[in-house]
Amino acid sequence: MRPQQVSVLGECVADAFTPYRHTPGELALRVLPGGGPANTAVALARLGTRTRFHARLSHDVFGRLFRSHLEASGVDLTGTVAAAEPSTLAVAELDEQGRAAYSFHAEGTADWQWTRAELAAADLAGSACLHTGSLALVREPGASAVEEFLAGAAAHATVSLDPNVRPLLVGPEVYRERLPRWCVLADILRLSEEDLESLLPGTSAERACDRWHAAGVRLVVVTLGARGALASLDGERIAVPAPPARVVDTVGAGDSFTAGLLHHLASRGLLGGRLTRLGPDDVAEACAFGVDVAALTCSVAGPNPPWAHQLAAAAGAARE
């Protein structure tokens, strides 16, 4: 079965990486195309899912980098808007474990300027799922328009959401205030344990899942880094371990997990509507695929998710 089409809406961000050690008096930056939704779109397309990306792309040097990267990965860009504003820049400082601490240059940039007219023209025809989240849902002036767009899409497509909390840009209280509304709209909620701690400090993943189920979302997945993931389908828990991995950095790992999860569900025709045919075994298999995709992403620098043939080669090597 050919995977169902997935639409992704959200930002592209130029990720500028600083080395852990650098020459005194100068700082060289390595710039890679990133941004949570863009990373997810790239990973989905590389895995073989038909993926349409809805984004506002600048014509500056970073916007041209984004477009080239997305097209080379096989992402359908017919849903993009040509934006007059500059691209968003994030500077990622890596520690000795490859973990990134970000600073953002995002005022007045293209990603947050969505208008209702632009979104009204967005074509979701043929898409079984709409995935979004991250800063597009909380940065005004566009966030309110995006939320309204989600409400319309929920009538005919599965809605997947990743809050991807960025407290340096938007306070966690903004996410907390909006999350109950998102749970009404979303069928799938994926977040990291860092997101969980920002949103509900001191709350266990199990209690958080129950809270979000009560608000309306059917499938909640909390990714736990090297410990894998905890999924909850209507309150039924599924624990999925992570495979051993050589970690270069963790940039884009969560986005790759989400792509793996959605790709697996799409390849089995399980997306579309309210996930009424989804069972615990389906969730376990999809999450296991997602952690494999995330592990390969961690084995290379930056948000560079694997292609389907690379994932197959890695699986074959693991069996030997």
Protein backbone atom coordinates (compact mmCIF):
# COMPACT_ATOMS: atom_id res chain seq x y z
CA MET A 1 0.00 0.00 0.00
CA ARG A 2 1.34 3.44 -0.93
CA PRO A 3 1.55 5.70 2.14
CA GLN A 4 -1.22 8.25 2.54
CA GLN A 5 -0.31 11.88 1.95
CA VAL A 6 0.59 14.05 4.94
CA SER A 7 0.55 17.85 5.01
CA VAL A 8 2.88 19.71 7.38
CA LEU A 9 2.41 23.34 8.37
CA GLY A 10 4.97 25.47 10.18
CA GLU A 11 8.31 27.15 10.20
CA CYS A 12 11.71 26.78 8.59
CA VAL A 13 14.61 27.95 10.75
CA ALA A 14 18.25 28.44 9.81
CA ASP A 15 20.14 26.46 12.47
CA ALA A 16 23.61 27.96 12.96
CA PHE A 17 25.79 25.58 14.99
CA THR A 18 28.72 26.66 17.10
CA PRO A 19 31.46 24.08 17.78
CA TYR A 20 31.99 22.93 21.36
CA ARG A 21 35.58 24.18 21.14
CA HIS A 22 36.55 27.11 18.94
CA THR A 23 39.49 29.42 18.26
CA PRO A 24 39.68 32.32 20.74
CA GLY A 25 38.60 35.61 19.20
CA GLU A 26 36.52 34.14 16.39
CA LEU A 27 33.46 31.98 15.95
CA ALA A 28 32.70 29.94 12.85
CA LEU A 29 29.08 28.98 12.30
CA ARG A 30 27.84 26.02 10.29
CA VAL A 31 24.34 26.79 9.00
CA LEU A 32 21.90 23.97 8.25
CA PRO A 33 18.21 24.15 7.30
CA GLY A 34 16.02 23.31 10.27
CA GLY A 35 12.85 24.16 12.16
CA GLY A 36 10.67 21.48 13.72
CA PRO A 37 7.89 21.30 11.10
CA ALA A 38 10.38 21.55 8.22
CA ASN A 39 12.48 18.75 9.76
CA THR A 40 9.37 16.57 10.04
CA ALA A 41 8.39 17.25 6.42
CA VAL A 42 11.89 16.34 5.19
CA ALA A 43 11.98 13.14 7.25
CA LEU A 44 8.52 12.07 6.04
CA ALA A 45 9.45 12.61 2.39
CA ARG A 46 12.75 10.77 2.73
CA LEU A 47 10.94 7.80 4.24
CA GLY A 48 8.63 7.67 1.23
CA THR A 49 5.50 9.47 2.40
CA ARG A 50 3.97 11.98 -0.03
CA THR A 51 4.46 15.21 1.90
CA ARG A 52 3.13 18.68 1.17
CA PHE A 53 4.68 21.53 3.16
CA HIS A 54 2.81 24.72 4.00
CA ALA A 55 5.27 27.43 4.98
CA ARG A 56 6.12 31.07 4.39
CA LEU A 57 9.53 31.05 2.65
CA SER A 58 11.67 34.15 2.38
CA HIS A 59 13.71 34.94 -0.74
CA ASP A 60 16.84 35.65 1.33
CA VAL A 61 19.89 33.39 1.40
CA PHE A 62 18.38 31.19 4.12
CA GLY A 63 15.05 30.93 2.30
CA ARG A 64 16.84 29.72 -0.80
CA LEU A 65 18.68 27.17 1.35
CA PHE A 66 15.37 25.92 2.77
CA ARG A 67 13.77 25.58 -0.62
CA SER A 68 16.72 23.68 -2.08
CA HIS A 69 16.87 21.32 0.91
CA LEU A 70 13.14 20.59 0.90
CA GLU A 71 12.99 20.02 -2.85
CA ALA A 72 16.04 17.73 -2.77
CA SER A 73 14.31 15.63 -0.12
CA GLY A 74 11.19 15.24 -2.26
CA VAL A 75 8.85 17.59 -0.35
CA ASP A 76 5.95 19.10 -2.32
CA LEU A 77 6.27 22.90 -2.00
CA THR A 78 3.09 23.88 -3.82
CA GLY A 79 1.64 24.92 -0.45
CA THR A 80 4.35 27.47 0.32
CA VAL A 81 3.88 31.25 0.33
CA ALA A 82 6.53 33.65 -1.01
CA ALA A 83 7.28 35.90 1.97
CA ALA A 84 8.76 39.41 1.92
CA GLU A 85 10.07 39.10 5.50
CA PRO A 86 13.50 37.63 6.40
CA SER A 87 14.04 34.06 7.56
CA THR A 88 14.26 33.01 11.20
CA LEU A 89 17.74 32.25 12.58
CA ALA A 90 18.57 30.05 15.57
CA VAL A 91 22.09 29.75 16.98
CA ALA A 92 22.67 26.35 18.56
CA GLU A 93 25.54 26.00 21.04
CA LEU A 94 26.49 22.34 21.43
CA ASP A 95 27.86 20.86 24.64
CA GLU A 96 30.23 17.90 24.93
CA GLN A 97 27.28 15.44 24.71
CA GLY A 98 25.99 17.04 21.51
CA ARG A 99 22.98 18.66 23.22
CA ALA A 100 21.97 22.03 21.83
CA ALA A 101 21.13 25.25 23.70
CA TYR A 102 19.44 27.77 21.40
CA SER A 103 19.26 31.51 21.02
CA PHE A 104 16.79 32.89 18.48
CA HIS A 105 16.67 35.81 16.09
CA ALA A 106 12.99 35.77 15.22
CA GLU A 107 11.43 39.23 15.47
CA GLY A 108 9.39 40.14 12.41
CA THR A 109 10.51 37.08 10.46
CA ALA A 110 8.55 35.29 7.75
CA ASP A 111 7.34 32.26 9.71
CA TRP A 112 4.89 34.00 12.03
CA GLN A 113 3.09 36.29 9.57
CA TRP A 114 0.36 33.91 8.37
CA THR A 115 -2.86 35.60 7.30
CA ARG A 116 -6.30 34.04 7.15
CA ALA A 117 -6.35 34.66 3.40
CA GLU A 118 -3.09 32.74 2.92
CA LEU A 119 -4.36 29.80 4.94
CA ALA A 120 -7.74 29.82 3.20
CA ALA A 121 -5.83 29.15 -0.03
CA ALA A 122 -3.94 26.19 1.48
CA ASP A 123 -4.91 22.96 -0.27
CA LEU A 124 -5.32 19.93 1.98
CA ALA A 125 -6.98 17.85 -0.74
CA GLY A 126 -5.66 14.32 -0.68
CA SER A 127 -4.00 14.67 2.71
CA ALA A 128 -5.06 12.16 5.34
CA CYS A 129 -3.20 14.03 8.08
CA LEU A 130 -2.15 17.58 8.95
CA HIS A 131 0.86 17.88 11.24
CA THR A 132 1.84 21.17 12.85
CA GLY A 133 3.05 22.69 16.09
CA SER A 134 6.13 24.39 17.43
CA LEU A 135 6.28 28.17 17.23
CA ALA A 136 3.73 28.52 14.42
CA LEU A 137 1.00 27.86 17.00
CA VAL A 138 2.13 30.42 19.56
CA ARG A 139 3.85 33.26 17.71
CA GLU A 140 1.53 36.08 16.70
CA PRO A 141 0.24 37.56 14.48
CA GLY A 142 -0.13 34.24 12.65
CA ALA A 143 -0.79 31.81 15.51
CA SER A 144 -4.51 32.57 15.87
CA ALA A 145 -5.04 32.10 12.14
CA VAL A 146 -3.16 28.78 12.24
CA GLU A 147 -5.31 27.56 15.13
CA GLU A 148 -8.47 28.41 13.18
CA PHE A 149 -7.05 26.55 10.19
CA LEU A 150 -6.50 23.48 12.37
CA ALA A 151 -10.13 23.57 13.48
CA GLY A 152 -11.25 23.48 9.87
CA ALA A 153 -8.82 20.70 8.94
CA ALA A 154 -9.95 18.51 11.85
CA ALA A 155 -13.28 17.97 10.11
CA HIS A 156 -11.71 15.73 7.47
CA ALA A 157 -8.09 14.88 8.43
CA THR A 158 -6.18 13.42 11.34
CA VAL A 159 -4.50 16.27 13.22
CA SER A 160 -1.01 15.70 14.68
CA LEU A 161 0.56 18.27 16.96
CA ASP A 162 4.02 18.78 18.51
CA PRO A 163 4.20 21.74 20.94
CA ASN A 164 8.04 21.83 20.82
CA VAL A 165 8.19 24.34 23.67
CA ARG A 166 10.74 27.14 23.15
CA PRO A 167 10.72 29.13 26.43
CA LEU A 168 13.37 31.58 25.18
CA LEU A 169 10.89 32.85 22.60
CA VAL A 170 7.48 32.18 24.13
CA GLY A 171 6.76 31.65 27.81
CA PRO A 172 5.49 28.19 28.84
CA GLU A 173 2.34 29.82 30.20
CA VAL A 174 1.28 30.61 26.62
CA TYR A 175 1.51 26.93 25.70
CA ARG A 176 -0.32 25.93 28.88
CA GLU A 177 -3.18 28.30 28.12
CA ARG A 178 -3.59 27.05 24.55
CA LEU A 179 -2.90 23.34 24.99
CA PRO A 180 -6.43 22.40 26.19
CA ARG A 181 -7.82 23.90 22.96
CA TRP A 182 -5.25 22.02 20.90
CA CYS A 183 -6.22 18.75 22.58
CA VAL A 184 -9.79 19.27 21.39
CA LEU A 185 -8.51 19.62 17.82
CA ALA A 186 -5.69 17.05 17.83
CA ASP A 187 -5.81 13.28 17.44
CA ILE A 188 -2.06 12.81 18.05
CA LEU A 189 0.00 14.79 20.56
CA ARG A 190 3.76 14.16 20.55
CA LEU A 191 6.08 15.94 22.93
CA SER A 192 9.43 15.44 24.63
CA GLU A 193 10.00 14.94 28.32
CA GLU A 194 11.59 18.43 28.34
CA ASP A 195 8.35 19.81 26.91
CA LEU A 196 6.42 17.94 29.59
CA GLU A 197 8.53 19.45 32.36
CA SER A 198 8.00 22.95 30.93
CA LEU A 199 4.25 22.49 30.61
CA LEU A 200 3.49 20.48 33.76
CA PRO A 201 6.47 20.69 36.13
CA GLY A 202 6.80 17.66 38.40
CA THR A 203 4.01 15.73 36.64
CA SER A 204 4.63 12.16 35.53
CA ALA A 205 4.16 11.26 31.89
CA GLU A 206 1.33 8.90 32.85
CA ARG A 207 -0.63 11.59 34.71
CA ALA A 208 -0.03 14.06 31.89
CA CYS A 209 -1.37 11.57 29.35
CA ASP A 210 -4.55 11.11 31.38
CA ARG A 211 -5.00 14.87 31.59
CA TRP A 212 -4.64 15.32 27.85
CA HIS A 213 -6.90 12.36 27.07
CA ALA A 214 -9.57 13.99 29.22
CA ALA A 215 -9.13 17.17 27.17
CA GLY A 216 -9.86 15.24 23.98
CA VAL A 217 -6.71 13.82 22.32
CA ARG A 218 -6.71 10.05 21.65
CA LEU A 219 -3.01 9.28 21.20
CA VAL A 220 -0.31 10.90 23.35
CA VAL A 221 3.36 10.06 22.90
CA VAL A 222 6.11 11.33 25.20
CA THR A 223 9.61 10.76 23.83
CA LEU A 224 12.22 9.99 26.48
CA GLY A 225 15.53 10.30 24.65
CA ALA A 226 17.76 7.27 25.15
CA ARG A 227 14.95 5.59 27.13
CA GLY A 228 12.65 5.42 24.11
CA ALA A 229 9.04 6.56 24.29
CA LEU A 230 5.85 6.18 26.29
CA ALA A 231 2.63 6.13 24.27
CA SER A 232 -0.91 6.21 25.58
CA LEU A 233 -3.91 5.33 23.41
CA ASP A 234 -7.14 6.24 25.18
CA GLY A 235 -5.35 5.49 28.47
CA GLU A 236 -3.70 2.21 27.45
CA ARG A 237 0.07 2.57 27.93
CA ILE A 238 2.71 1.31 25.52
CA ALA A 239 6.40 1.54 26.47
CA VAL A 240 8.87 1.41 23.58
CA PRO A 241 12.64 1.11 24.21
CA ALA A 242 15.19 2.95 22.10
CA PRO A 243 17.87 1.04 20.18
CA PRO A 244 21.54 1.59 21.02
CA ALA A 245 22.83 4.63 19.15
CA ARG A 246 26.05 6.52 18.58
CA VAL A 247 25.03 10.11 19.34
CA VAL A 248 26.67 12.97 17.43
CA ASP A 249 23.93 15.39 18.45
CA THR A 250 20.21 15.22 19.23
CA VAL A 251 19.09 18.05 16.92
CA GLY A 252 15.94 17.03 15.04
CA ALA A 253 15.56 13.70 16.83
CA GLY A 254 12.04 14.43 18.08
CA ASP A 255 10.96 15.68 14.65
CA SER A 256 12.32 12.50 13.07
CA PHE A 257 10.46 10.37 15.61
CA THR A 258 7.21 12.12 14.71
CA ALA A 259 7.90 11.56 11.02
CA GLY A 260 8.58 7.87 11.63
CA LEU A 261 5.38 7.52 13.65
CA LEU A 262 3.25 9.23 10.99
CA HIS A 263 4.95 7.42 8.10
CA HIS A 264 4.29 4.04 9.67
CA LEU A 265 0.63 4.87 10.29
CA ALA A 266 0.27 6.32 6.77
CA SER A 267 1.85 3.26 5.15
CA ARG A 268 -0.85 1.11 6.76
CA GLY A 269 -3.73 3.40 5.83
CA LEU A 270 -4.46 4.26 9.46
CA LEU A 271 -4.53 8.05 9.14
CA GLY A 272 -7.58 10.08 8.23
CA GLY A 273 -10.36 11.04 10.62
CA ARG A 274 -10.26 10.21 14.30
CA LEU A 275 -7.99 7.11 14.24
CA THR A 276 -10.95 4.81 14.86
CA ARG A 277 -9.11 1.74 13.47
CA LEU A 278 -5.96 2.34 15.51
CA GLY A 279 -5.08 -0.27 18.13
CA PRO A 280 -2.30 -0.64 20.74
CA ASP A 281 -0.27 -3.00 18.53
CA ASP A 282 -0.36 -0.42 15.72
CA VAL A 283 0.89 2.23 18.13
CA ALA A 284 3.70 0.01 19.43
CA GLU A 285 4.90 -0.77 15.90
CA ALA A 286 4.71 2.87 14.81
CA CYS A 287 6.62 4.08 17.88
CA ALA A 288 9.27 1.37 17.44
CA PHE A 289 9.76 2.58 13.87
CA GLY A 290 9.90 6.18 15.12
CA VAL A 291 12.67 5.50 17.64
CA ASP A 292 14.72 3.78 14.93
CA VAL A 293 14.40 6.84 12.69
CA ALA A 294 15.31 9.14 15.59
CA ALA A 295 18.36 7.04 16.49
CA LEU A 296 19.77 7.35 12.97
CA THR A 297 19.15 11.11 13.04
CA CYS A 298 21.19 11.34 16.24
CA SER A 299 24.10 9.53 14.58
CA VAL A 300 24.81 12.44 12.19
CA ALA A 301 25.31 16.17 12.67
CA GLY A 302 22.30 18.46 12.62
CA PRO A 303 18.71 17.81 11.55
CA ASN A 304 19.58 15.32 8.81
CA PRO A 305 17.03 12.47 8.94
CA PRO A 306 17.68 9.18 7.15
CA TRP A 307 16.39 8.11 3.76
CA ALA A 308 14.37 4.90 3.54
CA HIS A 309 17.31 2.96 2.06
CA GLN A 310 19.59 4.09 4.91
CA LEU A 311 17.06 2.93 7.47
CA ALA A 312 16.74 -0.43 5.70
CA ALA A 313 20.54 -0.81 5.58
CA ALA A 314 20.82 -0.03 9.30
CA ALA A 315 18.09 -2.56 10.12
CA GLY A 316 19.88 -5.19 8.04
CA ALA A 317 23.18 -4.53 9.78
CA ALA A 318 21.52 -4.81 13.20
CA ARG A 319 20.20 -8.27 12.29
CA GLU A 320 23.64 -9.57 11.29
